Amino acid sequence: MSDSKQAPLSRRRVFAGAGAAGALAGVAMLASRTEPAAPEVAQAPRPAPETGGGYQLTEHVKRYYQTTKV
């Protein structure tokens, strides 16, 4: 017979080990995929429209407003 006094493997230990292994795998995956991010190029703001704004009340906007009425 075996003289080892090792506790039987419990469900809690199995799930804790699986969770730790999953977390380590996720960290390893993210660490290997990390690339230096390309710097975003700032776009120059568009000039303001001469007619007073960019909002236009079109048919699809009117239709949307009709659907939101209670």
N, C-alpha and C. Protein backbone atom coordinates (compact mmCIF):
# COMPACT_ATOMS: atom_id res chain seq x y z
N MET A 1 0.82 -1.17 0.00
CA MET A 1 0.00 0.00 0.00
C MET A 1 0.87 1.24 0.00
N SER A 2 0.29 2.34 -0.34
CA SER A 2 1.00 3.61 -0.44
C SER A 2 1.05 4.30 0.91
N ASP A 3 2.22 4.86 1.25
CA ASP A 3 2.36 5.57 2.52
C ASP A 3 2.18 7.08 2.36
N SER A 4 1.89 7.55 1.17
CA SER A 4 1.76 8.99 0.98
C SER A 4 0.48 9.49 1.65
N LYS A 5 0.57 10.62 2.28
CA LYS A 5 -0.57 11.18 3.00
C LYS A 5 -1.12 12.39 2.23
N GLN A 6 -1.24 12.22 0.97
CA GLN A 6 -1.72 13.30 0.11
C GLN A 6 -3.24 13.32 0.14
N ALA A 7 -3.81 14.51 0.27
CA ALA A 7 -5.27 14.66 0.31
C ALA A 7 -5.85 14.31 -1.05
N PRO A 8 -7.03 13.74 -1.06
CA PRO A 8 -7.65 13.42 -2.34
C PRO A 8 -7.93 14.70 -3.13
N LEU A 9 -7.93 14.57 -4.42
CA LEU A 9 -8.15 15.72 -5.29
C LEU A 9 -9.63 16.13 -5.21
N SER A 10 -9.88 17.34 -4.75
CA SER A 10 -11.26 17.79 -4.61
C SER A 10 -11.68 18.59 -5.83
N ARG A 11 -12.97 18.73 -5.99
CA ARG A 11 -13.50 19.48 -7.11
C ARG A 11 -13.06 20.94 -7.06
N ARG A 12 -12.99 21.49 -5.86
CA ARG A 12 -12.59 22.88 -5.69
C ARG A 12 -11.17 23.10 -6.19
N ARG A 13 -10.28 22.17 -5.88
CA ARG A 13 -8.89 22.30 -6.34
C ARG A 13 -8.79 22.16 -7.85
N VAL A 14 -9.58 21.27 -8.42
CA VAL A 14 -9.56 21.09 -9.88
C VAL A 14 -9.99 22.37 -10.57
N PHE A 15 -11.09 22.97 -10.10
CA PHE A 15 -11.58 24.20 -10.74
C PHE A 15 -10.63 25.37 -10.49
N ALA A 16 -10.03 25.43 -9.33
CA ALA A 16 -9.07 26.50 -9.05
C ALA A 16 -7.85 26.36 -9.95
N GLY A 17 -7.39 25.14 -10.14
CA GLY A 17 -6.25 24.91 -11.02
C GLY A 17 -6.58 25.22 -12.47
N ALA A 18 -7.78 24.84 -12.89
CA ALA A 18 -8.19 25.12 -14.27
C ALA A 18 -8.32 26.62 -14.49
N GLY A 19 -8.85 27.33 -13.50
CA GLY A 19 -8.98 28.79 -13.63
C GLY A 19 -7.64 29.46 -13.70
N ALA A 20 -6.71 29.02 -12.88
CA ALA A 20 -5.37 29.60 -12.90
C ALA A 20 -4.67 29.31 -14.22
N ALA A 21 -4.83 28.10 -14.72
CA ALA A 21 -4.21 27.74 -16.00
C ALA A 21 -4.81 28.57 -17.13
N GLY A 22 -6.11 28.79 -17.09
CA GLY A 22 -6.77 29.60 -18.12
C GLY A 22 -6.30 31.04 -18.08
N ALA A 23 -6.15 31.57 -16.87
CA ALA A 23 -5.69 32.95 -16.74
C ALA A 23 -4.26 33.09 -17.26
N LEU A 24 -3.42 32.13 -16.94
CA LEU A 24 -2.04 32.18 -17.43
C LEU A 24 -1.98 32.06 -18.95
N ALA A 25 -2.84 31.22 -19.51
CA ALA A 25 -2.87 31.08 -20.96
C ALA A 25 -3.32 32.38 -21.61
N GLY A 26 -4.30 33.05 -21.01
CA GLY A 26 -4.77 34.33 -21.55
C GLY A 26 -3.69 35.39 -21.50
N VAL A 27 -2.97 35.45 -20.40
CA VAL A 27 -1.89 36.43 -20.28
C VAL A 27 -0.79 36.13 -21.29
N ALA A 28 -0.48 34.86 -21.45
CA ALA A 28 0.56 34.49 -22.41
C ALA A 28 0.14 34.85 -23.84
N MET A 29 -1.13 34.64 -24.15
CA MET A 29 -1.61 34.97 -25.49
C MET A 29 -1.55 36.48 -25.74
N LEU A 30 -1.98 37.26 -24.77
CA LEU A 30 -1.95 38.71 -24.93
C LEU A 30 -0.51 39.22 -25.01
N ALA A 31 0.38 38.63 -24.24
CA ALA A 31 1.76 39.08 -24.26
C ALA A 31 2.42 38.78 -25.60
N SER A 32 2.05 37.68 -26.22
CA SER A 32 2.67 37.34 -27.50
C SER A 32 2.08 38.16 -28.65
N ARG A 33 0.84 38.63 -28.49
CA ARG A 33 0.18 39.39 -29.57
C ARG A 33 0.46 40.88 -29.49
N THR A 34 1.00 41.35 -28.42
CA THR A 34 1.18 42.78 -28.24
C THR A 34 2.16 43.32 -29.27
N GLU A 35 1.69 44.28 -30.02
CA GLU A 35 2.51 44.96 -31.01
C GLU A 35 2.51 46.44 -30.66
N PRO A 36 3.54 47.13 -31.04
CA PRO A 36 3.49 48.57 -30.81
C PRO A 36 2.37 49.18 -31.65
N ALA A 37 1.57 49.98 -31.02
CA ALA A 37 0.44 50.59 -31.71
C ALA A 37 0.94 51.68 -32.66
N ALA A 38 0.33 51.71 -33.83
CA ALA A 38 0.66 52.75 -34.79
C ALA A 38 0.08 54.07 -34.28
N PRO A 39 0.84 55.12 -34.32
CA PRO A 39 0.32 56.40 -33.84
C PRO A 39 -0.82 56.88 -34.74
N GLU A 40 -1.87 57.35 -34.10
CA GLU A 40 -2.99 57.86 -34.86
C GLU A 40 -2.67 59.25 -35.38
N VAL A 41 -3.01 59.45 -36.61
CA VAL A 41 -2.76 60.75 -37.23
C VAL A 41 -3.97 61.63 -36.95
N ALA A 42 -3.73 62.76 -36.34
CA ALA A 42 -4.81 63.69 -36.03
C ALA A 42 -5.27 64.35 -37.32
N GLN A 43 -6.58 64.30 -37.54
CA GLN A 43 -7.13 64.92 -38.73
C GLN A 43 -7.45 66.38 -38.44
N ALA A 44 -7.24 67.19 -39.43
CA ALA A 44 -7.56 68.61 -39.29
C ALA A 44 -9.08 68.75 -39.26
N PRO A 45 -9.60 69.60 -38.37
CA PRO A 45 -11.06 69.77 -38.31
C PRO A 45 -11.59 70.38 -39.61
N ARG A 46 -12.77 69.93 -39.97
CA ARG A 46 -13.39 70.46 -41.19
C ARG A 46 -13.85 71.89 -40.95
N PRO A 47 -13.82 72.69 -41.97
CA PRO A 47 -14.32 74.06 -41.80
C PRO A 47 -15.84 74.03 -41.59
N ALA A 48 -16.34 74.99 -40.86
CA ALA A 48 -17.78 75.07 -40.60
C ALA A 48 -18.52 75.34 -41.90
N PRO A 49 -19.67 74.68 -42.09
CA PRO A 49 -20.43 74.92 -43.32
C PRO A 49 -20.98 76.35 -43.34
N GLU A 50 -21.08 76.88 -44.51
CA GLU A 50 -21.52 78.27 -44.66
C GLU A 50 -23.02 78.42 -44.46
N THR A 51 -23.77 77.33 -44.62
CA THR A 51 -25.23 77.44 -44.55
C THR A 51 -25.77 77.32 -43.15
N GLY A 52 -24.92 77.17 -42.15
CA GLY A 52 -25.41 77.21 -40.79
C GLY A 52 -25.35 75.92 -40.01
N GLY A 53 -24.90 74.85 -40.55
CA GLY A 53 -24.78 73.64 -39.74
C GLY A 53 -24.79 72.39 -40.58
N GLY A 54 -24.46 71.30 -39.93
CA GLY A 54 -24.39 70.04 -40.63
C GLY A 54 -25.66 69.21 -40.50
N TYR A 55 -26.60 69.63 -39.65
CA TYR A 55 -27.83 68.87 -39.46
C TYR A 55 -28.79 69.16 -40.59
N GLN A 56 -29.33 68.08 -41.15
CA GLN A 56 -30.33 68.24 -42.20
C GLN A 56 -31.52 67.37 -41.87
N LEU A 57 -32.70 67.96 -41.91
CA LEU A 57 -33.92 67.22 -41.66
C LEU A 57 -34.34 66.54 -42.96
N THR A 58 -33.94 65.28 -43.09
CA THR A 58 -34.25 64.53 -44.30
C THR A 58 -35.42 63.59 -44.02
N GLU A 59 -35.85 62.89 -45.06
CA GLU A 59 -37.00 61.99 -44.92
C GLU A 59 -36.73 60.86 -43.93
N HIS A 60 -35.53 60.30 -43.96
CA HIS A 60 -35.28 59.19 -43.03
C HIS A 60 -35.21 59.69 -41.59
N VAL A 61 -34.80 60.94 -41.37
CA VAL A 61 -34.80 61.51 -40.02
C VAL A 61 -36.24 61.73 -39.57
N LYS A 62 -37.07 62.24 -40.45
CA LYS A 62 -38.49 62.45 -40.12
C LYS A 62 -39.17 61.11 -39.80
N ARG A 63 -38.83 60.08 -40.56
CA ARG A 63 -39.39 58.76 -40.32
C ARG A 63 -38.96 58.23 -38.94
N TYR A 64 -37.73 58.47 -38.58
CA TYR A 64 -37.24 58.06 -37.26
C TYR A 64 -38.02 58.77 -36.16
N TYR A 65 -38.22 60.06 -36.31
CA TYR A 65 -38.96 60.80 -35.31
C TYR A 65 -40.39 60.28 -35.19
N GLN A 66 -40.98 59.86 -36.28
CA GLN A 66 -42.35 59.31 -36.23
C GLN A 66 -42.37 58.00 -35.45
N THR A 67 -41.32 57.21 -35.55
CA THR A 67 -41.30 55.92 -34.85
C THR A 67 -41.06 56.10 -33.34
N THR A 68 -40.52 57.22 -32.92
CA THR A 68 -40.24 57.41 -31.49
C THR A 68 -41.39 58.06 -30.75
N LYS A 69 -42.42 58.50 -31.47
CA LYS A 69 -43.56 59.11 -30.79
C LYS A 69 -44.33 58.05 -30.03
N VAL A 70 -44.81 58.45 -28.86
CA VAL A 70 -45.56 57.51 -28.02
C VAL A 70 -47.02 57.65 -28.26
